[in-house]
Amino acid sequence: MRTTIRAAIALVGLFNLAIGLAFLADPSRLGAKFFLLPAGIQGLATMRADFTAFFVTGGVFALYGAWRGRAEPLTVPLLLLAIALLGRCVGLAMDGASSTAHEPMIAEAAMIAILLAGRRILSTPR
C-alpha cells in the first residue's frame, strides 16, 4: 500500500511540476488552457511567475514526500490545492457555473484525496 500511494503522490507531483514548467516556458499557450489572457508583457510575467510558483512548489513538495516516504511535505501541496478549490467554490457561489467549471474542481479534489491518503498512510509506522 505504501508503494502504491507513493507512486500516486509522485504522479500528482509530476503533473503539477509539468504544468508549472509549461507556464514558465509558454504562459500564453498554457494560460489559454486555463482561460487566462495576459494583459501585455507584465501580464505574461505575472502568469509566468505566479502560476509557475504555485505548480512547481506543489509538485516539488509532493515529489519530495513521495521520494522520502514522508507525510509532512504533503502539507504544502494539500494547502495549495485546498485553497485553490475553495477559491473555485467561492467563484461558483458568486459568479455562477460555466460548462467548464467542474473539470478542474474534480482534478483538484482527486489530487487532494490522493495527498490526504498519502498523509494518513505515510504517517503510520511501517
N, C-alpha and C. Protein backbone atom coordinates (compact mmCIF):
# COMPACT_ATOMS: atom_id res chain seq x y z
N MET A 1 0.83 -1.20 0.00
CA MET A 1 0.00 0.00 0.00
C MET A 1 0.87 1.26 0.00
N ARG A 2 1.93 1.25 0.76
CA ARG A 2 2.83 2.42 0.82
C ARG A 2 3.44 2.71 -0.56
N THR A 3 3.82 1.66 -1.26
CA THR A 3 4.43 1.85 -2.58
C THR A 3 3.41 2.43 -3.56
N THR A 4 2.20 1.94 -3.50
CA THR A 4 1.14 2.41 -4.39
C THR A 4 0.83 3.88 -4.14
N ILE A 5 0.68 4.26 -2.87
CA ILE A 5 0.35 5.65 -2.57
C ILE A 5 1.53 6.57 -2.90
N ARG A 6 2.75 6.10 -2.70
CA ARG A 6 3.91 6.91 -3.07
C ARG A 6 3.96 7.13 -4.58
N ALA A 7 3.60 6.12 -5.35
CA ALA A 7 3.55 6.27 -6.81
C ALA A 7 2.46 7.26 -7.21
N ALA A 8 1.31 7.18 -6.57
CA ALA A 8 0.21 8.11 -6.88
C ALA A 8 0.60 9.54 -6.52
N ILE A 9 1.25 9.71 -5.39
CA ILE A 9 1.71 11.05 -4.97
C ILE A 9 2.74 11.56 -5.97
N ALA A 10 3.64 10.70 -6.41
CA ALA A 10 4.64 11.10 -7.40
C ALA A 10 3.98 11.56 -8.69
N LEU A 11 2.91 10.88 -9.11
CA LEU A 11 2.19 11.30 -10.31
C LEU A 11 1.55 12.68 -10.12
N VAL A 12 0.99 12.92 -8.94
CA VAL A 12 0.45 14.25 -8.63
C VAL A 12 1.57 15.29 -8.73
N GLY A 13 2.72 14.96 -8.15
CA GLY A 13 3.85 15.87 -8.19
C GLY A 13 4.33 16.14 -9.60
N LEU A 14 4.48 15.10 -10.39
CA LEU A 14 4.93 15.27 -11.78
C LEU A 14 3.94 16.07 -12.61
N PHE A 15 2.67 15.81 -12.41
CA PHE A 15 1.61 16.54 -13.11
C PHE A 15 1.72 18.04 -12.81
N ASN A 16 1.83 18.38 -11.54
CA ASN A 16 1.92 19.79 -11.15
C ASN A 16 3.23 20.41 -11.61
N LEU A 17 4.31 19.68 -11.51
CA LEU A 17 5.59 20.19 -11.98
C LEU A 17 5.55 20.47 -13.48
N ALA A 18 4.95 19.58 -14.24
CA ALA A 18 4.84 19.79 -15.69
C ALA A 18 4.01 21.03 -16.01
N ILE A 19 2.92 21.23 -15.30
CA ILE A 19 2.10 22.43 -15.53
C ILE A 19 2.91 23.68 -15.18
N GLY A 20 3.61 23.65 -14.06
CA GLY A 20 4.40 24.80 -13.66
C GLY A 20 5.48 25.14 -14.67
N LEU A 21 6.18 24.14 -15.16
CA LEU A 21 7.24 24.38 -16.14
C LEU A 21 6.67 24.85 -17.47
N ALA A 22 5.47 24.37 -17.81
CA ALA A 22 4.82 24.83 -19.04
C ALA A 22 4.43 26.31 -18.91
N PHE A 23 3.99 26.73 -17.73
CA PHE A 23 3.71 28.15 -17.53
C PHE A 23 4.99 28.97 -17.63
N LEU A 24 6.08 28.45 -17.16
CA LEU A 24 7.36 29.15 -17.25
C LEU A 24 7.79 29.30 -18.70
N ALA A 25 7.65 28.25 -19.47
CA ALA A 25 8.12 28.24 -20.86
C ALA A 25 7.21 29.02 -21.80
N ASP A 26 5.90 28.88 -21.65
CA ASP A 26 4.97 29.48 -22.60
C ASP A 26 3.67 29.85 -21.90
N PRO A 27 3.68 30.94 -21.13
CA PRO A 27 2.50 31.29 -20.35
C PRO A 27 1.26 31.60 -21.20
N SER A 28 1.45 32.13 -22.39
CA SER A 28 0.28 32.43 -23.24
C SER A 28 -0.46 31.17 -23.64
N ARG A 29 0.29 30.15 -24.08
CA ARG A 29 -0.34 28.91 -24.53
C ARG A 29 -1.03 28.21 -23.36
N LEU A 30 -0.34 28.06 -22.25
CA LEU A 30 -0.95 27.35 -21.14
C LEU A 30 -2.03 28.20 -20.47
N GLY A 31 -1.81 29.50 -20.43
CA GLY A 31 -2.83 30.38 -19.87
C GLY A 31 -4.16 30.24 -20.60
N ALA A 32 -4.10 30.09 -21.92
CA ALA A 32 -5.33 29.91 -22.69
C ALA A 32 -6.07 28.64 -22.26
N LYS A 33 -5.33 27.59 -21.93
CA LYS A 33 -5.96 26.35 -21.47
C LYS A 33 -6.63 26.54 -20.10
N PHE A 34 -6.17 27.54 -19.36
CA PHE A 34 -6.74 27.87 -18.06
C PHE A 34 -7.70 29.06 -18.16
N PHE A 35 -8.04 29.45 -19.38
CA PHE A 35 -8.96 30.56 -19.65
C PHE A 35 -8.42 31.88 -19.12
N LEU A 36 -7.10 32.07 -19.23
CA LEU A 36 -6.44 33.29 -18.78
C LEU A 36 -5.88 34.04 -19.99
N LEU A 37 -6.02 35.35 -19.97
CA LEU A 37 -5.45 36.19 -21.02
C LEU A 37 -4.52 37.20 -20.35
N PRO A 38 -3.25 37.21 -20.73
CA PRO A 38 -2.34 38.17 -20.12
C PRO A 38 -2.59 39.58 -20.66
N ALA A 39 -2.43 40.55 -19.80
CA ALA A 39 -2.55 41.95 -20.21
C ALA A 39 -1.13 42.48 -20.45
N GLY A 40 -0.62 42.26 -21.65
CA GLY A 40 0.69 42.76 -22.02
C GLY A 40 1.84 41.97 -21.41
N ILE A 41 3.02 42.58 -21.49
CA ILE A 41 4.23 41.92 -21.01
C ILE A 41 4.17 41.66 -19.51
N GLN A 42 3.63 42.61 -18.74
CA GLN A 42 3.55 42.41 -17.30
C GLN A 42 2.57 41.29 -16.96
N GLY A 43 1.51 41.17 -17.73
CA GLY A 43 0.58 40.05 -17.52
C GLY A 43 1.25 38.71 -17.77
N LEU A 44 2.05 38.64 -18.84
CA LEU A 44 2.82 37.41 -19.11
C LEU A 44 3.78 37.12 -17.97
N ALA A 45 4.46 38.16 -17.49
CA ALA A 45 5.41 37.97 -16.39
C ALA A 45 4.70 37.48 -15.13
N THR A 46 3.52 38.02 -14.87
CA THR A 46 2.77 37.59 -13.69
C THR A 46 2.33 36.14 -13.82
N MET A 47 1.82 35.77 -15.00
CA MET A 47 1.43 34.37 -15.22
C MET A 47 2.64 33.46 -15.09
N ARG A 48 3.74 33.87 -15.69
CA ARG A 48 4.97 33.06 -15.65
C ARG A 48 5.45 32.91 -14.21
N ALA A 49 5.40 33.96 -13.43
CA ALA A 49 5.91 33.91 -12.06
C ALA A 49 4.94 33.19 -11.11
N ASP A 50 3.71 33.66 -11.06
CA ASP A 50 2.78 33.17 -10.05
C ASP A 50 2.31 31.74 -10.29
N PHE A 51 1.95 31.43 -11.53
CA PHE A 51 1.49 30.07 -11.81
C PHE A 51 2.63 29.07 -11.75
N THR A 52 3.81 29.48 -12.20
CA THR A 52 4.97 28.60 -12.07
C THR A 52 5.24 28.34 -10.60
N ALA A 53 5.21 29.38 -9.77
CA ALA A 53 5.47 29.22 -8.34
C ALA A 53 4.46 28.27 -7.70
N PHE A 54 3.19 28.46 -8.00
CA PHE A 54 2.14 27.61 -7.42
C PHE A 54 2.35 26.14 -7.77
N PHE A 55 2.44 25.86 -9.06
CA PHE A 55 2.50 24.47 -9.50
C PHE A 55 3.84 23.81 -9.22
N VAL A 56 4.94 24.53 -9.41
CA VAL A 56 6.25 23.92 -9.14
C VAL A 56 6.41 23.65 -7.64
N THR A 57 6.01 24.58 -6.80
CA THR A 57 6.12 24.37 -5.36
C THR A 57 5.31 23.16 -4.93
N GLY A 58 4.06 23.10 -5.35
CA GLY A 58 3.24 21.94 -5.00
C GLY A 58 3.82 20.65 -5.53
N GLY A 59 4.29 20.69 -6.77
CA GLY A 59 4.86 19.49 -7.37
C GLY A 59 6.13 19.02 -6.68
N VAL A 60 7.01 19.95 -6.37
CA VAL A 60 8.28 19.59 -5.71
C VAL A 60 8.03 18.98 -4.33
N PHE A 61 7.13 19.58 -3.56
CA PHE A 61 6.86 19.04 -2.23
C PHE A 61 6.16 17.68 -2.30
N ALA A 62 5.28 17.49 -3.28
CA ALA A 62 4.66 16.17 -3.46
C ALA A 62 5.71 15.13 -3.84
N LEU A 63 6.58 15.50 -4.77
CA LEU A 63 7.64 14.57 -5.18
C LEU A 63 8.59 14.26 -4.02
N TYR A 64 8.92 15.26 -3.23
CA TYR A 64 9.80 15.04 -2.08
C TYR A 64 9.14 14.08 -1.07
N GLY A 65 7.86 14.31 -0.80
CA GLY A 65 7.15 13.42 0.12
C GLY A 65 7.08 12.00 -0.40
N ALA A 66 6.84 11.85 -1.70
CA ALA A 66 6.78 10.51 -2.30
C ALA A 66 8.14 9.85 -2.27
N TRP A 67 9.18 10.59 -2.63
CA TRP A 67 10.53 10.03 -2.69
C TRP A 67 11.03 9.60 -1.32
N ARG A 68 10.80 10.44 -0.31
CA ARG A 68 11.28 10.13 1.04
C ARG A 68 10.30 9.26 1.82
N GLY A 69 9.08 9.10 1.31
CA GLY A 69 8.07 8.33 2.03
C GLY A 69 7.63 9.01 3.31
N ARG A 70 7.54 10.34 3.25
CA ARG A 70 7.20 11.13 4.43
C ARG A 70 5.91 11.91 4.21
N ALA A 71 5.13 12.03 5.25
CA ALA A 71 3.83 12.70 5.18
C ALA A 71 3.94 14.22 5.26
N GLU A 72 4.90 14.73 6.03
CA GLU A 72 4.95 16.16 6.31
C GLU A 72 5.03 17.05 5.06
N PRO A 73 5.86 16.74 4.08
CA PRO A 73 5.93 17.61 2.90
C PRO A 73 4.63 17.71 2.12
N LEU A 74 3.74 16.75 2.30
CA LEU A 74 2.48 16.75 1.57
C LEU A 74 1.54 17.86 2.03
N THR A 75 1.84 18.45 3.18
CA THR A 75 1.03 19.57 3.68
C THR A 75 1.04 20.73 2.70
N VAL A 76 2.18 20.99 2.06
CA VAL A 76 2.28 22.13 1.15
C VAL A 76 1.35 21.97 -0.06
N PRO A 77 1.45 20.90 -0.84
CA PRO A 77 0.51 20.79 -1.96
C PRO A 77 -0.93 20.65 -1.51
N LEU A 78 -1.16 20.04 -0.36
CA LEU A 78 -2.53 19.94 0.16
C LEU A 78 -3.12 21.32 0.39
N LEU A 79 -2.37 22.20 1.04
CA LEU A 79 -2.86 23.55 1.30
C LEU A 79 -3.06 24.33 0.00
N LEU A 80 -2.11 24.24 -0.90
CA LEU A 80 -2.25 24.94 -2.18
C LEU A 80 -3.51 24.50 -2.91
N LEU A 81 -3.71 23.20 -3.01
CA LEU A 81 -4.88 22.68 -3.75
C LEU A 81 -6.18 22.96 -3.02
N ALA A 82 -6.17 22.87 -1.69
CA ALA A 82 -7.39 23.13 -0.92
C ALA A 82 -7.81 24.60 -1.05
N ILE A 83 -6.84 25.50 -1.01
CA ILE A 83 -7.16 26.92 -1.16
C ILE A 83 -7.64 27.21 -2.59
N ALA A 84 -7.03 26.56 -3.57
CA ALA A 84 -7.49 26.72 -4.95
C ALA A 84 -8.93 26.21 -5.11
N LEU A 85 -9.21 25.06 -4.53
CA LEU A 85 -10.57 24.51 -4.61
C LEU A 85 -11.56 25.41 -3.88
N LEU A 86 -11.17 25.95 -2.75
CA LEU A 86 -12.02 26.90 -2.04
C LEU A 86 -12.31 28.12 -2.91
N GLY A 87 -11.29 28.63 -3.57
CA GLY A 87 -11.49 29.77 -4.47
C GLY A 87 -12.46 29.45 -5.59
N ARG A 88 -12.37 28.24 -6.11
CA ARG A 88 -13.32 27.84 -7.17
C ARG A 88 -14.74 27.76 -6.62
N CYS A 89 -14.89 27.26 -5.41
CA CYS A 89 -16.23 27.19 -4.78
C CYS A 89 -16.80 28.58 -4.56
N VAL A 90 -15.96 29.50 -4.10
CA VAL A 90 -16.40 30.89 -3.93
C VAL A 90 -16.80 31.46 -5.29
N GLY A 91 -16.02 31.17 -6.32
CA GLY A 91 -16.35 31.63 -7.67
C GLY A 91 -17.70 31.10 -8.14
N LEU A 92 -17.97 29.83 -7.88
CA LEU A 92 -19.27 29.26 -8.25
C LEU A 92 -20.40 29.98 -7.52
N ALA A 93 -20.20 30.21 -6.23
CA ALA A 93 -21.24 30.86 -5.43
C ALA A 93 -21.47 32.30 -5.86
N MET A 94 -20.40 33.00 -6.20
CA MET A 94 -20.53 34.43 -6.51
C MET A 94 -20.80 34.72 -7.98
N ASP A 95 -20.24 33.87 -8.86
CA ASP A 95 -20.31 34.16 -10.30
C ASP A 95 -21.17 33.18 -11.08
N GLY A 96 -21.51 32.07 -10.49
CA GLY A 96 -22.24 31.03 -11.19
C GLY A 96 -21.28 30.05 -11.85
N ALA A 97 -21.83 29.04 -12.46
CA ALA A 97 -21.02 27.97 -13.06
C ALA A 97 -21.05 28.06 -14.57
N SER A 98 -19.90 27.80 -15.15
CA SER A 98 -19.83 27.66 -16.60
C SER A 98 -19.77 26.17 -16.92
N SER A 99 -19.81 25.85 -18.18
CA SER A 99 -19.76 24.43 -18.57
C SER A 99 -18.39 23.82 -18.29
N THR A 100 -17.40 24.64 -18.08
CA THR A 100 -16.03 24.14 -17.83
C THR A 100 -15.63 24.23 -16.36
N ALA A 101 -16.55 24.58 -15.48
CA ALA A 101 -16.20 24.84 -14.08
C ALA A 101 -15.85 23.58 -13.30
N HIS A 102 -16.45 22.47 -13.63
CA HIS A 102 -16.33 21.31 -12.74
C HIS A 102 -15.09 20.45 -12.99
N GLU A 103 -14.59 20.42 -14.20
CA GLU A 103 -13.43 19.58 -14.51
C GLU A 103 -12.21 19.91 -13.64
N PRO A 104 -11.80 21.18 -13.52
CA PRO A 104 -10.65 21.44 -12.66
C PRO A 104 -10.94 21.18 -11.19
N MET A 105 -12.18 21.36 -10.79
CA MET A 105 -12.54 21.08 -9.39
C MET A 105 -12.42 19.58 -9.10
N ILE A 106 -12.82 18.77 -10.04
CA ILE A 106 -12.71 17.32 -9.87
C ILE A 106 -11.24 16.91 -9.81
N ALA A 107 -10.42 17.50 -10.68
CA ALA A 107 -8.99 17.19 -10.67
C ALA A 107 -8.35 17.60 -9.35
N GLU A 108 -8.68 18.78 -8.86
CA GLU A 108 -8.13 19.23 -7.57
C GLU A 108 -8.60 18.35 -6.44
N ALA A 109 -9.88 17.99 -6.44
CA ALA A 109 -10.40 17.12 -5.38
C ALA A 109 -9.73 15.75 -5.41
N ALA A 110 -9.49 15.22 -6.61
CA ALA A 110 -8.82 13.92 -6.72
C ALA A 110 -7.39 14.00 -6.18
N MET A 111 -6.67 15.08 -6.53
CA MET A 111 -5.31 15.23 -6.02
C MET A 111 -5.31 15.41 -4.51
N ILE A 112 -6.28 16.15 -3.98
CA ILE A 112 -6.40 16.31 -2.53
C ILE A 112 -6.63 14.96 -1.88
N ALA A 113 -7.51 14.15 -2.46
CA ALA A 113 -7.79 12.83 -1.89
C ALA A 113 -6.53 11.95 -1.88
N ILE A 114 -5.76 11.98 -2.94
CA ILE A 114 -4.52 11.20 -3.00
C ILE A 114 -3.55 11.69 -1.93
N LEU A 115 -3.40 12.99 -1.83
CA LEU A 115 -2.46 13.54 -0.86
C LEU A 115 -2.91 13.29 0.58
N LEU A 116 -4.21 13.37 0.84
CA LEU A 116 -4.72 13.05 2.19
C LEU A 116 -4.48 11.58 2.53
N ALA A 117 -4.75 10.71 1.57
CA ALA A 117 -4.48 9.29 1.80
C ALA A 117 -2.99 9.07 2.03
N GLY A 118 -2.17 9.79 1.27
CA GLY A 118 -0.73 9.69 1.45
C GLY A 118 -0.30 10.14 2.83
N ARG A 119 -0.86 11.24 3.31
CA ARG A 119 -0.52 11.71 4.66
C ARG A 119 -0.89 10.66 5.70
N ARG A 120 -2.06 10.06 5.53
CA ARG A 120 -2.52 9.06 6.51
C ARG A 120 -1.63 7.82 6.46
N ILE A 121 -1.38 7.31 5.26
CA ILE A 121 -0.60 6.08 5.12
C ILE A 121 0.86 6.29 5.48
N LEU A 122 1.44 7.37 5.04
CA LEU A 122 2.86 7.60 5.29
C LEU A 122 3.16 8.05 6.71
N SER A 123 2.14 8.51 7.44
CA SER A 123 2.39 8.92 8.83
C SER A 123 2.33 7.75 9.81
N THR A 124 1.84 6.60 9.33
CA THR A 124 1.82 5.43 10.22
C THR A 124 3.14 4.68 10.08
N PRO A 125 3.65 4.16 11.21
CA PRO A 125 4.92 3.41 11.12
C PRO A 125 4.75 2.15 10.28
N ARG A 126 5.85 1.74 9.70
CA ARG A 126 5.84 0.53 8.85
C ARG A 126 5.60 -0.70 9.66
